[in-house]
C-alpha atoms as a PDB file:
ATOM      1  CA  MET A   1      59.486 -32.854  50.679  1.00  0.00           C
ATOM      2  CA  PRO A   2      56.534 -30.649  49.592  1.00  0.00           C
ATOM      3  CA  VAL A   3      53.042 -32.075  49.784  1.00  0.00           C
ATOM      4  CA  SER A   4      51.225 -32.236  46.452  1.00  0.00           C
ATOM      5  CA  THR A   5      47.489 -31.688  46.694  1.00  0.00           C
ATOM      6  CA  PRO A   6      45.060 -31.965  43.780  1.00  0.00           C
ATOM      7  CA  SER A   7      44.513 -28.199  43.810  1.00  0.00           C
ATOM      8  CA  ALA A   8      48.274 -27.542  43.836  1.00  0.00           C
ATOM      9  CA  ARG A   9      48.836 -29.862  40.886  1.00  0.00           C
ATOM     10  CA  PHE A  10      45.838 -28.398  39.053  1.00  0.00           C
ATOM     11  CA  SER A  11      46.919 -24.783  39.578  1.00  0.00           C
ATOM     12  CA  ALA A  12      50.171 -25.444  37.723  1.00  0.00           C
ATOM     13  CA  HIS A  13      48.085 -25.767  34.553  1.00  0.00           C
ATOM     14  CA  THR A  14      45.776 -22.805  35.097  1.00  0.00           C
ATOM     15  CA  GLU A  15      46.085 -19.082  34.700  1.00  0.00           C
ATOM     16  CA  ARG A  16      46.401 -16.736  37.680  1.00  0.00           C
ATOM     17  CA  ALA A  17      43.472 -16.593  40.091  1.00  0.00           C
ATOM     18  CA  GLY A  18      40.990 -13.894  39.118  1.00  0.00           C
ATOM     19  CA  ASP A  19      41.965 -14.121  35.459  1.00  0.00           C
ATOM     20  CA  PRO A  20      38.892 -14.807  33.243  1.00  0.00           C
ATOM     21  CA  ALA A  21      40.739 -17.734  31.622  1.00  0.00           C
ATOM     22  CA  SER A  22      40.987 -19.483  34.998  1.00  0.00           C
ATOM     23  CA  THR A  23      37.188 -19.801  35.110  1.00  0.00           C
ATOM     24  CA  ALA A  24      36.990 -21.058  31.528  1.00  0.00           C
ATOM     25  CA  THR A  25      36.343 -24.639  30.503  1.00  0.00           C
ATOM     26  CA  PHE A  26      38.384 -26.067  27.631  1.00  0.00           C
ATOM     27  CA  CYS A  27      36.262 -28.390  25.437  1.00  0.00           C
ATOM     28  CA  TYR A  28      37.452 -31.109  23.076  1.00  0.00           C
ATOM     29  CA  SER A  29      35.453 -33.065  20.520  1.00  0.00           C
ATOM     30  CA  VAL A  30      37.380 -36.078  19.224  1.00  0.00           C
ATOM     31  CA  VAL A  31      36.343 -38.388  16.388  1.00  0.00           C
ATOM     32  CA  ALA A  32      38.380 -41.563  15.979  1.00  0.00           C
ATOM     33  CA  ALA A  33      38.126 -45.093  14.671  1.00  0.00           C
ATOM     34  CA  ALA A  34      36.369 -47.324  17.219  1.00  0.00           C
ATOM     35  CA  GLU A  35      39.502 -49.191  18.308  1.00  0.00           C
ATOM     36  CA  PRO A  36      40.098 -50.450  21.882  1.00  0.00           C
ATOM     37  CA  GLY A  37      43.295 -48.446  22.478  1.00  0.00           C
ATOM     38  CA  VAL A  38      42.003 -44.996  21.522  1.00  0.00           C
ATOM     39  CA  MET A  39      40.276 -44.015  24.786  1.00  0.00           C
ATOM     40  CA  PRO A  40      43.202 -44.944  27.066  1.00  0.00           C
ATOM     41  CA  ARG A  41      45.614 -43.001  24.844  1.00  0.00           C
ATOM     42  CA  VAL A  42      43.317 -39.949  24.919  1.00  0.00           C
ATOM     43  CA  LEU A  43      42.893 -40.118  28.703  1.00  0.00           C
ATOM     44  CA  GLU A  44      46.655 -40.565  29.167  1.00  0.00           C
ATOM     45  CA  LEU A  45      47.292 -37.042  27.831  1.00  0.00           C
ATOM     46  CA  PHE A  46      45.314 -35.631  30.751  1.00  0.00           C
ATOM     47  CA  ALA A  47      46.478 -38.132  33.379  1.00  0.00           C
ATOM     48  CA  LYS A  48      50.175 -37.464  32.822  1.00  0.00           C
ATOM     49  CA  ARG A  49      49.463 -33.776  33.525  1.00  0.00           C
ATOM     50  CA  ASN A  50      47.567 -34.673  36.743  1.00  0.00           C
ATOM     51  CA  LEU A  51      44.306 -33.467  35.201  1.00  0.00           C
ATOM     52  CA  VAL A  52      40.916 -35.104  35.594  1.00  0.00           C
ATOM     53  CA  PRO A  53      38.362 -33.992  32.988  1.00  0.00           C
ATOM     54  CA  SER A  54      35.259 -32.471  34.564  1.00  0.00           C
ATOM     55  CA  ARG A  55      33.158 -34.168  31.871  1.00  0.00           C
ATOM     56  CA  TRP A  56      33.784 -37.135  29.585  1.00  0.00           C
ATOM     57  CA  HIS A  57      31.205 -38.547  27.212  1.00  0.00           C
ATOM     58  CA  SER A  58      32.003 -41.174  24.616  1.00  0.00           C
ATOM     59  CA  ILE A  59      29.881 -43.168  22.212  1.00  0.00           C
ATOM     60  CA  ALA A  60      30.629 -45.746  19.546  1.00  0.00           C
ATOM     61  CA  ALA A  61      28.591 -44.602  16.540  1.00  0.00           C
ATOM     62  CA  ALA A  62      26.986 -46.994  14.083  1.00  0.00           C
ATOM     63  CA  GLU A  63      29.391 -45.825  11.358  1.00  0.00           C
ATOM     64  CA  GLY A  64      32.337 -47.368  13.216  1.00  0.00           C
ATOM     65  CA  ASP A  65      33.475 -44.062  14.695  1.00  0.00           C
ATOM     66  CA  LEU A  66      34.212 -43.327  18.315  1.00  0.00           C
ATOM     67  CA  GLN A  67      33.052 -39.875  19.412  1.00  0.00           C
ATOM     68  CA  ILE A  68      34.553 -38.449  22.612  1.00  0.00           C
ATOM     69  CA  ASP A  69      33.568 -35.128  24.171  1.00  0.00           C
ATOM     70  CA  ILE A  70      35.825 -33.896  26.981  1.00  0.00           C
ATOM     71  CA  GLN A  71      35.711 -30.795  29.193  1.00  0.00           C
ATOM     72  CA  VAL A  72      38.506 -29.601  31.480  1.00  0.00           C
ATOM     73  CA  GLU A  73      37.861 -26.680  33.826  1.00  0.00           C
ATOM     74  CA  GLY A  74      40.450 -23.976  34.433  1.00  0.00           C
ATOM     75  CA  LEU A  75      42.902 -25.163  31.796  1.00  0.00           C
ATOM     76  CA  ALA A  76      45.186 -22.427  30.454  1.00  0.00           C
ATOM     77  CA  PRO A  77      44.555 -21.838  26.718  1.00  0.00           C
ATOM     78  CA  ASP A  78      48.163 -22.561  25.711  1.00  0.00           C
ATOM     79  CA  VAL A  79      48.112 -25.893  27.581  1.00  0.00           C
ATOM     80  CA  GLY A  80      44.690 -26.705  26.081  1.00  0.00           C
ATOM     81  CA  ASP A  81      45.963 -26.015  22.579  1.00  0.00           C
ATOM     82  CA  TYR A  82      49.044 -28.162  23.193  1.00  0.00           C
ATOM     83  CA  ILE A  83      46.892 -31.083  24.381  1.00  0.00           C
ATOM     84  CA  ALA A  84      44.727 -30.691  21.247  1.00  0.00           C
ATOM     85  CA  ALA A  85      47.850 -30.903  19.061  1.00  0.00           C
ATOM     86  CA  CYS A  86      48.899 -34.071  20.929  1.00  0.00           C
ATOM     87  CA  LEU A  87      45.414 -35.565  20.494  1.00  0.00           C
ATOM     88  CA  ARG A  88      45.687 -35.029  16.730  1.00  0.00           C
ATOM     89  CA  GLN A  89      48.843 -37.177  16.658  1.00  0.00           C
ATOM     90  CA  ILE A  90      47.225 -40.243  18.249  1.00  0.00           C
ATOM     91  CA  VAL A  91      46.846 -43.206  15.897  1.00  0.00           C
ATOM     92  CA  ASN A  92      43.238 -43.643  14.672  1.00  0.00           C
ATOM     93  CA  VAL A  93      42.202 -40.091  15.703  1.00  0.00           C
ATOM     94  CA  GLU A  94      40.600 -38.456  12.683  1.00  0.00           C
ATOM     95  CA  THR A  95      39.353 -35.078  13.962  1.00  0.00           C
ATOM     96  CA  VAL A  96      39.878 -32.909  17.044  1.00  0.00           C
ATOM     97  CA  LEU A  97      37.784 -29.780  17.530  1.00  0.00           C
ATOM     98  CA  THR A  98      38.306 -27.402  20.444  1.00  0.00           C
ATOM     99  CA  GLY A  99      36.276 -24.721  22.150  1.00  0.00           C
ATOM    100  CA  LEU A 100      36.413 -22.501  25.201  1.00  0.00           C
ATOM    101  CA  LYS A 101      33.424 -21.991  27.503  1.00  0.00           C
ATOM    102  CA  HIS A 102      33.520 -18.951  29.804  1.00  0.00           C
ATOM    103  CA  GLY A 103      31.711 -18.483  33.103  1.00  0.00           C
ATOM    104  CA  ASP A 104      29.137 -20.552  34.930  1.00  0.00           C
ATOM    105  CA  THR A 105      25.979 -21.689  33.182  1.00  0.00           C
ATOM    106  CA  ALA A 106      24.152 -22.160  36.481  1.00  0.00           C
ATOM    107  CA  ALA A 107      23.477 -19.506  39.074  1.00  0.00           C
ATOM    108  CA  PRO A 108      25.339 -19.783  42.388  1.00  0.00           C
ATOM    109  CA  PRO A 109      23.246 -21.370  45.207  1.00  0.00           C
ATOM    110  CA  GLU A 110      22.636 -18.040  46.956  1.00  0.00           C
ATOM    111  CA  ARG A 111      20.834 -16.762  43.856  1.00  0.00           C
ATOM    112  CA  LEU A 112      18.569 -19.784  43.799  1.00  0.00           C
ATOM    113  CA  ARG A 113      17.217 -19.306  47.309  1.00  0.00           C
ATOM    114  CA  ARG A 114      13.839 -17.696  47.714  1.00  0.00           C
ATOM    115  CA  ARG A 115      13.827 -14.618  49.873  1.00  0.00           C
ATOM    116  CA  ALA A 116      11.145 -14.490  52.540  1.00  0.00           C
END
């Protein structure tokens, strides 16, 4: 029986190593009615694919809306688009916007060191 590691499960959803898409971060912005079952249903779409979002921020707005911002690193664009389509079908979800962030925003540690 093969051993399933987090990186092995994750790589099934990413592009080939070295491909620019494999270093991209897929971003979702979800607006839904502030109902108790919305967040678990949103998270379930990632969990059943063995994905853990790298960032998750949610807030219940004063207008009665729930705003959820999610980022998933290394997600293949076709898989990201499919998840967005599934998010749009969840009851009480009003809007789903997507985006793709390429590259690192922070410099690698070796660039941050001062040279003597």
